[in-house]
Structures are given as C-alpha cells and as structure tokens.
Amino acid sequence: MPNRFYRRRWADYRGDEFADWGHSVWYFEVGDDGWPVRQVETYDAGRVLRYGPSHSEDRYGGLGEASLYDSGDDWSRFEITEAEFEQAWTSDGE
C-alpha cells in the first residue's frame, strides 16, 4: 500500500520557549504502519520545520516517534493528496 498523507491543525501552543510561534498546521507522510516518514510543521508566526530521513531532528523538535494510527484518532478526515503534501514540503519557509 502506498504512503498516505495528512494535514492537521493544532490549536495548542508548543508549551516551550518557542510558544510565541503560535498555533500550527502539521503535514505528515506516513507508511502503512502510520509511522511518519516525512513531516512539516507550519507555525502561525511563519516558522516552518521539516523532518525526514536525512534530517530527523534539531533543537526545535523532530520526526514523530509513534504511529499516528495508535493515537485512537480518526485520521481519515485529515487525509490530503500527495501533491498537497509535496507543496508544503517544498514551499519556502525558514
């Protein structure tokens, strides 16, 4: 089965020293098991973070370390196309 793609807005703040970045929209590419392969975090203040195989973490965070499907949430309502994910992955940002 090919990878799946999701977009989800979080209304929570980070809760750390970067909380002033505001709320965020997260984009995920996940494998069959729901584990993130690539991830984009776009914050209201303009910061964009990207994580994937060649850059899995930095001082701001990192690629998810759990299956999205284990959260108990219905991710089907957040599903997007691969093209939508790729647009977020390649868009300009910090």
PDB file of N, CA and C in Angstrom:
ATOM      1  N   MET A   1       0.846  -1.177   0.000  1.00  0.00           N
ATOM      2  CA  MET A   1       0.000   0.000   0.000  1.00  0.00           C
ATOM      3  C   MET A   1       0.895   1.246   0.000  1.00  0.00           C
ATOM      4  N   PRO A   2       0.574   2.221  -0.826  1.00  0.00           N
ATOM      5  CA  PRO A   2       1.408   3.429  -0.876  1.00  0.00           C
ATOM      6  C   PRO A   2       1.264   4.258   0.402  1.00  0.00           C
ATOM      7  N   ASN A   3       2.220   5.142   0.593  1.00  0.00           N
ATOM      8  CA  ASN A   3       2.163   6.027   1.755  1.00  0.00           C
ATOM      9  C   ASN A   3       0.919   6.903   1.706  1.00  0.00           C
ATOM     10  N   ARG A   4       0.499   7.374   2.870  1.00  0.00           N
ATOM     11  CA  ARG A   4      -0.663   8.260   2.977  1.00  0.00           C
ATOM     12  C   ARG A   4      -0.202   9.607   3.498  1.00  0.00           C
ATOM     13  N   PHE A   5      -1.044  10.608   3.271  1.00  0.00           N
ATOM     14  CA  PHE A   5      -0.674  11.986   3.584  1.00  0.00           C
ATOM     15  C   PHE A   5      -1.793  12.644   4.375  1.00  0.00           C
ATOM     16  N   TYR A   6      -1.397  13.436   5.388  1.00  0.00           N
ATOM     17  CA  TYR A   6      -2.374  14.072   6.265  1.00  0.00           C
ATOM     18  C   TYR A   6      -1.979  15.513   6.556  1.00  0.00           C
ATOM     19  N   ARG A   7      -2.993  16.314   6.814  1.00  0.00           N
ATOM     20  CA  ARG A   7      -2.813  17.706   7.249  1.00  0.00           C
ATOM     21  C   ARG A   7      -3.721  17.911   8.446  1.00  0.00           C
ATOM     22  N   ARG A   8      -3.146  18.428   9.532  1.00  0.00           N
ATOM     23  CA  ARG A   8      -3.953  18.643  10.734  1.00  0.00           C
ATOM     24  C   ARG A   8      -3.519  19.918  11.445  1.00  0.00           C
ATOM     25  N   ARG A   9      -4.480  20.735  11.769  1.00  0.00           N
ATOM     26  CA  ARG A   9      -4.198  21.968  12.521  1.00  0.00           C
ATOM     27  C   ARG A   9      -4.332  21.672  14.003  1.00  0.00           C
ATOM     28  N   TRP A  10      -3.328  22.156  14.751  1.00  0.00           N
ATOM     29  CA  TRP A  10      -3.373  22.037  16.200  1.00  0.00           C
ATOM     30  C   TRP A  10      -3.636  23.409  16.804  1.00  0.00           C
ATOM     31  N   ALA A  11      -4.602  23.482  17.700  1.00  0.00           N
ATOM     32  CA  ALA A  11      -4.964  24.734  18.366  1.00  0.00           C
ATOM     33  C   ALA A  11      -4.156  24.934  19.641  1.00  0.00           C
ATOM     34  N   ASP A  12      -3.281  24.002  19.956  1.00  0.00           N
ATOM     35  CA  ASP A  12      -2.445  24.108  21.154  1.00  0.00           C
ATOM     36  C   ASP A  12      -1.131  24.793  20.802  1.00  0.00           C
ATOM     37  N   TYR A  13      -0.563  25.477  21.775  1.00  0.00           N
ATOM     38  CA  TYR A  13       0.765  26.057  21.622  1.00  0.00           C
ATOM     39  C   TYR A  13       1.803  25.005  21.962  1.00  0.00           C
ATOM     40  N   ARG A  14       3.022  25.238  21.562  1.00  0.00           N
ATOM     41  CA  ARG A  14       4.096  24.280  21.805  1.00  0.00           C
ATOM     42  C   ARG A  14       4.318  24.029  23.282  1.00  0.00           C
ATOM     43  N   GLY A  15       4.157  25.049  24.111  1.00  0.00           N
ATOM     44  CA  GLY A  15       4.381  24.867  25.539  1.00  0.00           C
ATOM     45  C   GLY A  15       5.846  24.905  25.929  1.00  0.00           C
ATOM     46  N   ASP A  16       6.681  25.441  25.048  1.00  0.00           N
ATOM     47  CA  ASP A  16       8.103  25.547  25.359  1.00  0.00           C
ATOM     48  C   ASP A  16       8.567  26.971  25.063  1.00  0.00           C
ATOM     49  N   GLU A  17       9.860  27.177  24.973  1.00  0.00           N
ATOM     50  CA  GLU A  17      10.406  28.513  24.741  1.00  0.00           C
ATOM     51  C   GLU A  17      10.015  29.101  23.387  1.00  0.00           C
ATOM     52  N   PHE A  18       9.458  28.263  22.493  1.00  0.00           N
ATOM     53  CA  PHE A  18       9.054  28.720  21.167  1.00  0.00           C
ATOM     54  C   PHE A  18       7.534  28.858  21.049  1.00  0.00           C
ATOM     55  N   ALA A  19       6.846  28.938  22.158  1.00  0.00           N
ATOM     56  CA  ALA A  19       5.383  29.036  22.169  1.00  0.00           C
ATOM     57  C   ALA A  19       4.887  30.276  21.431  1.00  0.00           C
ATOM     58  N   ASP A  20       5.717  31.314  21.346  1.00  0.00           N
ATOM     59  CA  ASP A  20       5.288  32.527  20.654  1.00  0.00           C
ATOM     60  C   ASP A  20       5.196  32.345  19.136  1.00  0.00           C
ATOM     61  N   TRP A  21       5.566  31.188  18.633  1.00  0.00           N
ATOM     62  CA  TRP A  21       5.375  30.883  17.212  1.00  0.00           C
ATOM     63  C   TRP A  21       3.886  30.735  16.893  1.00  0.00           C
ATOM     64  N   GLY A  22       3.066  30.506  17.901  1.00  0.00           N
ATOM     65  CA  GLY A  22       1.623  30.387  17.712  1.00  0.00           C
ATOM     66  C   GLY A  22       1.169  28.963  17.437  1.00  0.00           C
ATOM     67  N   HIS A  23      -0.036  28.864  16.940  1.00  0.00           N
ATOM     68  CA  HIS A  23      -0.615  27.562  16.601  1.00  0.00           C
ATOM     69  C   HIS A  23       0.065  27.022  15.344  1.00  0.00           C
ATOM     70  N   SER A  24      -0.245  25.786  14.983  1.00  0.00           N
ATOM     71  CA  SER A  24       0.477  25.178  13.871  1.00  0.00           C
ATOM     72  C   SER A  24      -0.404  24.251  13.039  1.00  0.00           C
ATOM     73  N   VAL A  25       0.046  24.053  11.816  1.00  0.00           N
ATOM     74  CA  VAL A  25      -0.526  23.053  10.917  1.00  0.00           C
ATOM     75  C   VAL A  25       0.581  22.044  10.656  1.00  0.00           C
ATOM     76  N   TRP A  26       0.256  20.778  10.834  1.00  0.00           N
ATOM     77  CA  TRP A  26       1.232  19.711  10.634  1.00  0.00           C
ATOM     78  C   TRP A  26       0.824  18.880   9.424  1.00  0.00           C
ATOM     79  N   TYR A  27       1.813  18.558   8.618  1.00  0.00           N
ATOM     80  CA  TYR A  27       1.632  17.696   7.448  1.00  0.00           C
ATOM     81  C   TYR A  27       2.462  16.440   7.688  1.00  0.00           C
ATOM     82  N   PHE A  28       1.868  15.296   7.406  1.00  0.00           N
ATOM     83  CA  PHE A  28       2.566  14.028   7.597  1.00  0.00           C
ATOM     84  C   PHE A  28       2.510  13.178   6.342  1.00  0.00           C
ATOM     85  N   GLU A  29       3.619  12.528   6.025  1.00  0.00           N
ATOM     86  CA  GLU A  29       3.637  11.397   5.105  1.00  0.00           C
ATOM     87  C   GLU A  29       3.914  10.194   5.982  1.00  0.00           C
ATOM     88  N   VAL A  30       3.028   9.196   5.944  1.00  0.00           N
ATOM     89  CA  VAL A  30       3.193   8.023   6.799  1.00  0.00           C
ATOM     90  C   VAL A  30       3.183   6.745   5.971  1.00  0.00           C
ATOM     91  N   GLY A  31       3.872   5.733   6.487  1.00  0.00           N
ATOM     92  CA  GLY A  31       3.873   4.421   5.871  1.00  0.00           C
ATOM     93  C   GLY A  31       2.623   3.637   6.268  1.00  0.00           C
ATOM     94  N   ASP A  32       2.547   2.399   5.820  1.00  0.00           N
ATOM     95  CA  ASP A  32       1.399   1.526   6.127  1.00  0.00           C
ATOM     96  C   ASP A  32       1.110   1.425   7.610  1.00  0.00           C
ATOM     97  N   ASP A  33       2.152   1.496   8.419  1.00  0.00           N
ATOM     98  CA  ASP A  33       2.019   1.328   9.868  1.00  0.00           C
ATOM     99  C   ASP A  33       1.653   2.627  10.590  1.00  0.00           C
ATOM    100  N   GLY A  34       1.551   3.740   9.834  1.00  0.00           N
ATOM    101  CA  GLY A  34       1.199   5.018  10.431  1.00  0.00           C
ATOM    102  C   GLY A  34       2.376   5.804  10.976  1.00  0.00           C
ATOM    103  N   TRP A  35       3.585   5.244  10.861  1.00  0.00           N
ATOM    104  CA  TRP A  35       4.772   5.951  11.356  1.00  0.00           C
ATOM    105  C   TRP A  35       5.173   7.030  10.362  1.00  0.00           C
ATOM    106  N   PRO A  36       5.468   8.247  10.841  1.00  0.00           N
ATOM    107  CA  PRO A  36       5.870   9.330   9.946  1.00  0.00           C
ATOM    108  C   PRO A  36       7.158   9.014   9.184  1.00  0.00           C
ATOM    109  N   VAL A  37       7.118   9.324   7.900  1.00  0.00           N
ATOM    110  CA  VAL A  37       8.282   9.211   7.026  1.00  0.00           C
ATOM    111  C   VAL A  37       8.870  10.607   6.820  1.00  0.00           C
ATOM    112  N   ARG A  38       7.960  11.561   6.594  1.00  0.00           N
ATOM    113  CA  ARG A  38       8.328  12.977   6.493  1.00  0.00           C
ATOM    114  C   ARG A  38       7.251  13.781   7.215  1.00  0.00           C
ATOM    115  N   GLN A  39       7.645  14.967   7.681  1.00  0.00           N
ATOM    116  CA  GLN A  39       6.729  15.781   8.473  1.00  0.00           C
ATOM    117  C   GLN A  39       7.075  17.254   8.275  1.00  0.00           C
ATOM    118  N   VAL A  40       6.047  18.092   8.136  1.00  0.00           N
ATOM    119  CA  VAL A  40       6.220  19.536   8.021  1.00  0.00           C
ATOM    120  C   VAL A  40       5.368  20.184   9.108  1.00  0.00           C
ATOM    121  N   GLU A  41       5.941  21.135   9.827  1.00  0.00           N
ATOM    122  CA  GLU A  41       5.209  21.901  10.832  1.00  0.00           C
ATOM    123  C   GLU A  41       5.249  23.360  10.400  1.00  0.00           C
ATOM    124  N   THR A  42       4.081  23.963  10.203  1.00  0.00           N
ATOM    125  CA  THR A  42       3.983  25.355   9.774  1.00  0.00           C
ATOM    126  C   THR A  42       3.303  26.138  10.885  1.00  0.00           C
ATOM    127  N   TYR A  43       4.021  27.114  11.449  1.00  0.00           N
ATOM    128  CA  TYR A  43       3.515  27.883  12.581  1.00  0.00           C
ATOM    129  C   TYR A  43       2.954  29.228  12.131  1.00  0.00           C
ATOM    130  N   ASP A  44       1.970  29.724  12.862  1.00  0.00           N
ATOM    131  CA  ASP A  44       1.303  30.977  12.515  1.00  0.00           C
ATOM    132  C   ASP A  44       2.280  32.141  12.373  1.00  0.00           C
ATOM    133  N   ALA A  45       3.357  32.152  13.134  1.00  0.00           N
ATOM    134  CA  ALA A  45       4.338  33.243  13.085  1.00  0.00           C
ATOM    135  C   ALA A  45       5.264  33.145  11.868  1.00  0.00           C
ATOM    136  N   GLY A  46       5.107  32.073  11.071  1.00  0.00           N
ATOM    137  CA  GLY A  46       5.887  31.942   9.845  1.00  0.00           C
ATOM    138  C   GLY A  46       6.976  30.890   9.855  1.00  0.00           C
ATOM    139  N   ARG A  47       7.323  30.370  11.009  1.00  0.00           N
ATOM    140  CA  ARG A  47       8.367  29.339  11.091  1.00  0.00           C
ATOM    141  C   ARG A  47       7.865  28.048  10.449  1.00  0.00           C
ATOM    142  N   VAL A  48       8.715  27.410   9.653  1.00  0.00           N
ATOM    143  CA  VAL A  48       8.397  26.129   9.030  1.00  0.00           C
ATOM    144  C   VAL A  48       9.518  25.150   9.379  1.00  0.00           C
ATOM    145  N   LEU A  49       9.138  24.004   9.920  1.00  0.00           N
ATOM    146  CA  LEU A  49      10.097  22.959  10.265  1.00  0.00           C
ATOM    147  C   LEU A  49       9.824  21.743   9.398  1.00  0.00           C
ATOM    148  N   ARG A  50      10.887  21.095   8.945  1.00  0.00           N
ATOM    149  CA  ARG A  50      10.747  19.896   8.115  1.00  0.00           C
ATOM    150  C   ARG A  50      11.636  18.789   8.671  1.00  0.00           C
ATOM    151  N   TYR A  51      11.073  17.598   8.732  1.00  0.00           N
ATOM    152  CA  TYR A  51      11.823  16.442   9.217  1.00  0.00           C
ATOM    153  C   TYR A  51      11.592  15.263   8.281  1.00  0.00           C
ATOM    154  N   GLY A  52      12.635  14.492   8.060  1.00  0.00           N
ATOM    155  CA  GLY A  52      12.547  13.325   7.204  1.00  0.00           C
ATOM    156  C   GLY A  52      13.786  12.468   7.379  1.00  0.00           C
ATOM    157  N   PRO A  53      13.992  11.534   6.460  1.00  0.00           N
ATOM    158  CA  PRO A  53      15.113  10.594   6.602  1.00  0.00           C
ATOM    159  C   PRO A  53      16.486  11.256   6.725  1.00  0.00           C
ATOM    160  N   SER A  54      16.707  12.362   6.035  1.00  0.00           N
ATOM    161  CA  SER A  54      18.032  12.989   6.090  1.00  0.00           C
ATOM    162  C   SER A  54      18.142  14.078   7.158  1.00  0.00           C
ATOM    163  N   HIS A  55      17.030  14.389   7.826  1.00  0.00           N
ATOM    164  CA  HIS A  55      17.024  15.404   8.890  1.00  0.00           C
ATOM    165  C   HIS A  55      15.901  15.045   9.855  1.00  0.00           C
ATOM    166  N   SER A  56      16.192  14.181  10.810  1.00  0.00           N
ATOM    167  CA  SER A  56      15.134  13.651  11.672  1.00  0.00           C
ATOM    168  C   SER A  56      14.899  14.451  12.941  1.00  0.00           C
ATOM    169  N   GLU A  57      15.842  15.348  13.307  1.00  0.00           N
ATOM    170  CA  GLU A  57      15.636  16.163  14.495  1.00  0.00           C
ATOM    171  C   GLU A  57      16.583  17.351  14.509  1.00  0.00           C
ATOM    172  N   ASP A  58      16.215  18.346  15.306  1.00  0.00           N
ATOM    173  CA  ASP A  58      17.055  19.502  15.536  1.00  0.00           C
ATOM    174  C   ASP A  58      16.671  20.091  16.890  1.00  0.00           C
ATOM    175  N   ARG A  59      17.133  21.265  17.195  1.00  0.00           N
ATOM    176  CA  ARG A  59      16.868  21.852  18.518  1.00  0.00           C
ATOM    177  C   ARG A  59      15.406  22.208  18.733  1.00  0.00           C
ATOM    178  N   TYR A  60      14.602  22.240  17.671  1.00  0.00           N
ATOM    179  CA  TYR A  60      13.192  22.622  17.770  1.00  0.00           C
ATOM    180  C   TYR A  60      12.246  21.427  17.897  1.00  0.00           C
ATOM    181  N   GLY A  61      12.702  20.252  17.517  1.00  0.00           N
ATOM    182  CA  GLY A  61      11.833  19.074  17.561  1.00  0.00           C
ATOM    183  C   GLY A  61      12.375  17.976  16.676  1.00  0.00           C
ATOM    184  N   GLY A  62      11.462  17.139  16.188  1.00  0.00           N
ATOM    185  CA  GLY A  62      11.903  16.048  15.346  1.00  0.00           C
ATOM    186  C   GLY A  62      10.752  15.284  14.736  1.00  0.00           C
ATOM    187  N   LEU A  63      11.117  14.374  13.881  1.00  0.00           N
ATOM    188  CA  LEU A  63      10.162  13.495  13.225  1.00  0.00           C
ATOM    189  C   LEU A  63       9.416  12.678  14.278  1.00  0.00           C
ATOM    190  N   GLY A  64       8.110  12.555  14.109  1.00  0.00           N
ATOM    191  CA  GLY A  64       7.301  11.810  15.067  1.00  0.00           C
ATOM    192  C   GLY A  64       7.852  10.425  15.331  1.00  0.00           C
ATOM    193  N   GLU A  65       7.795  10.009  16.601  1.00  0.00           N
ATOM    194  CA  GLU A  65       8.354   8.717  17.014  1.00  0.00           C
ATOM    195  C   GLU A  65       7.277   7.755  17.466  1.00  0.00           C
ATOM    196  N   ALA A  66       6.106   7.861  16.848  1.00  0.00           N
ATOM    197  CA  ALA A  66       4.999   6.948  17.151  1.00  0.00           C
ATOM    198  C   ALA A  66       4.085   6.888  15.941  1.00  0.00           C
ATOM    199  N   SER A  67       3.337   5.830  15.854  1.00  0.00           N
ATOM    200  CA  SER A  67       2.372   5.686  14.768  1.00  0.00           C
ATOM    201  C   SER A  67       1.182   6.609  15.004  1.00  0.00           C
ATOM    202  N   LEU A  68       0.804   7.360  13.992  1.00  0.00           N
ATOM    203  CA  LEU A  68      -0.391   8.197  14.094  1.00  0.00           C
ATOM    204  C   LEU A  68      -1.612   7.330  14.385  1.00  0.00           C
ATOM    205  N   TYR A  69      -1.610   6.136  13.861  1.00  0.00           N
ATOM    206  CA  TYR A  69      -2.766   5.251  13.993  1.00  0.00           C
ATOM    207  C   TYR A  69      -2.943   4.712  15.409  1.00  0.00           C
ATOM    208  N   ASP A  70      -1.905   4.802  16.231  1.00  0.00           N
ATOM    209  CA  ASP A  70      -2.005   4.357  17.618  1.00  0.00           C
ATOM    210  C   ASP A  70      -2.645   5.401  18.527  1.00  0.00           C
ATOM    211  N   SER A  71      -2.892   6.607  17.995  1.00  0.00           N
ATOM    212  CA  SER A  71      -3.425   7.695  18.819  1.00  0.00           C
ATOM    213  C   SER A  71      -4.908   7.523  19.142  1.00  0.00           C
ATOM    214  N   GLY A  72      -5.590   6.663  18.397  1.00  0.00           N
ATOM    215  CA  GLY A  72      -7.022   6.493  18.590  1.00  0.00           C
ATOM    216  C   GLY A  72      -7.846   7.510  17.825  1.00  0.00           C
ATOM    217  N   ASP A  73      -7.197   8.473  17.167  1.00  0.00           N
ATOM    218  CA  ASP A  73      -7.899   9.472  16.360  1.00  0.00           C
ATOM    219  C   ASP A  73      -8.258   8.892  14.998  1.00  0.00           C
ATOM    220  N   ASP A  74      -9.328   9.422  14.415  1.00  0.00           N
ATOM    221  CA  ASP A  74      -9.724   9.044  13.057  1.00  0.00           C
ATOM    222  C   ASP A  74      -8.991   9.955  12.083  1.00  0.00           C
ATOM    223  N   TRP A  75      -7.880   9.500  11.558  1.00  0.00           N
ATOM    224  CA  TRP A  75      -7.057  10.314  10.671  1.00  0.00           C
ATOM    225  C   TRP A  75      -7.648  10.448   9.279  1.00  0.00           C
ATOM    226  N   SER A  76      -8.645   9.662   8.930  1.00  0.00           N
ATOM    227  CA  SER A  76      -9.206   9.719   7.576  1.00  0.00           C
ATOM    228  C   SER A  76      -9.754  11.105   7.250  1.00  0.00           C
ATOM    229  N   ARG A  77     -10.242  11.814   8.251  1.00  0.00           N
ATOM    230  CA  ARG A  77     -10.794  13.150   7.986  1.00  0.00           C
ATOM    231  C   ARG A  77      -9.716  14.198   7.747  1.00  0.00           C
ATOM    232  N   PHE A  78      -8.449  13.850   7.971  1.00  0.00           N
ATOM    233  CA  PHE A  78      -7.337  14.769   7.751  1.00  0.00           C
ATOM    234  C   PHE A  78      -6.523  14.409   6.505  1.00  0.00           C
ATOM    235  N   GLU A  79      -6.965  13.416   5.762  1.00  0.00           N
ATOM    236  CA  GLU A  79      -6.189  12.946   4.622  1.00  0.00           C
ATOM    237  C   GLU A  79      -6.165  13.982   3.500  1.00  0.00           C
ATOM    238  N   ILE A  80      -4.996  14.130   2.885  1.00  0.00           N
ATOM    239  CA  ILE A  80      -4.800  15.041   1.760  1.00  0.00           C
ATOM    240  C   ILE A  80      -4.108  14.268   0.642  1.00  0.00           C
ATOM    241  N   THR A  81      -3.918  14.921  -0.482  1.00  0.00           N
ATOM    242  CA  THR A  81      -3.231  14.283  -1.607  1.00  0.00           C
ATOM    243  C   THR A  81      -1.713  14.389  -1.435  1.00  0.00           C
ATOM    244  N   GLU A  82      -1.024  13.554  -2.158  1.00  0.00           N
ATOM    245  CA  GLU A  82       0.439  13.626  -2.168  1.00  0.00           C
ATOM    246  C   GLU A  82       0.893  14.995  -2.674  1.00  0.00           C
ATOM    247  N   ALA A  83       0.209  15.526  -3.679  1.00  0.00           N
ATOM    248  CA  ALA A  83       0.563  16.838  -4.233  1.00  0.00           C
ATOM    249  C   ALA A  83       0.449  17.941  -3.176  1.00  0.00           C
ATOM    250  N   GLU A  84      -0.583  17.878  -2.342  1.00  0.00           N
ATOM    251  CA  GLU A  84      -0.740  18.869  -1.275  1.00  0.00           C
ATOM    252  C   GLU A  84       0.416  18.773  -0.275  1.00  0.00           C
ATOM    253  N   PHE A  85       0.793  17.544   0.059  1.00  0.00           N
ATOM    254  CA  PHE A  85       1.926  17.367   0.966  1.00  0.00           C
ATOM    255  C   PHE A  85       3.202  17.915   0.334  1.00  0.00           C
ATOM    256  N   GLU A  86       3.448  17.562  -0.918  1.00  0.00           N
ATOM    257  CA  GLU A  86       4.674  17.994  -1.597  1.00  0.00           C
ATOM    258  C   GLU A  86       4.755  19.509  -1.680  1.00  0.00           C
ATOM    259  N   GLN A  87       3.620  20.172  -1.833  1.00  0.00           N
ATOM    260  CA  GLN A  87       3.608  21.629  -1.857  1.00  0.00           C
ATOM    261  C   GLN A  87       4.105  22.187  -0.523  1.00  0.00           C
ATOM    262  N   ALA A  88       3.645  21.612   0.582  1.00  0.00           N
ATOM    263  CA  ALA A  88       4.109  22.047   1.911  1.00  0.00           C
ATOM    264  C   ALA A  88       5.584  21.704   2.093  1.00  0.00           C
ATOM    265  N   TRP A  89       6.003  20.536   1.617  1.00  0.00           N
ATOM    266  CA  TRP A  89       7.377  20.071   1.793  1.00  0.00           C
ATOM    267  C   TRP A  89       8.363  20.976   1.064  1.00  0.00           C
ATOM    268  N   THR A  90       7.980  21.488  -0.090  1.00  0.00           N
ATOM    269  CA  THR A  90       8.900  22.267  -0.912  1.00  0.00           C
ATOM    270  C   THR A  90       8.686  23.764  -0.829  1.00  0.00           C
ATOM    271  N   SER A  91       7.672  24.229  -0.106  1.00  0.00           N
ATOM    272  CA  SER A  91       7.392  25.670  -0.049  1.00  0.00           C
ATOM    273  C   SER A  91       8.490  26.411   0.703  1.00  0.00           C
ATOM    274  N   ASP A  92       8.658  27.663   0.381  1.00  0.00           N
ATOM    275  CA  ASP A  92       9.650  28.495   1.056  1.00  0.00           C
ATOM    276  C   ASP A  92       9.254  28.685   2.515  1.00  0.00           C
ATOM    277  N   GLY A  93      10.205  28.765   3.338  1.00  0.00           N
ATOM    278  CA  GLY A  93       9.991  28.977   4.769  1.00  0.00           C
ATOM    279  C   GLY A  93      11.342  29.062   5.439  1.00  0.00           C
ATOM    280  N   GLU A  94      11.315  29.278   6.703  1.00  0.00           N
ATOM    281  CA  GLU A  94      12.571  29.386   7.451  1.00  0.00           C
ATOM    282  C   GLU A  94      13.181  28.016   7.659  1.00  0.00           C
TER     283      GLU A  94
END
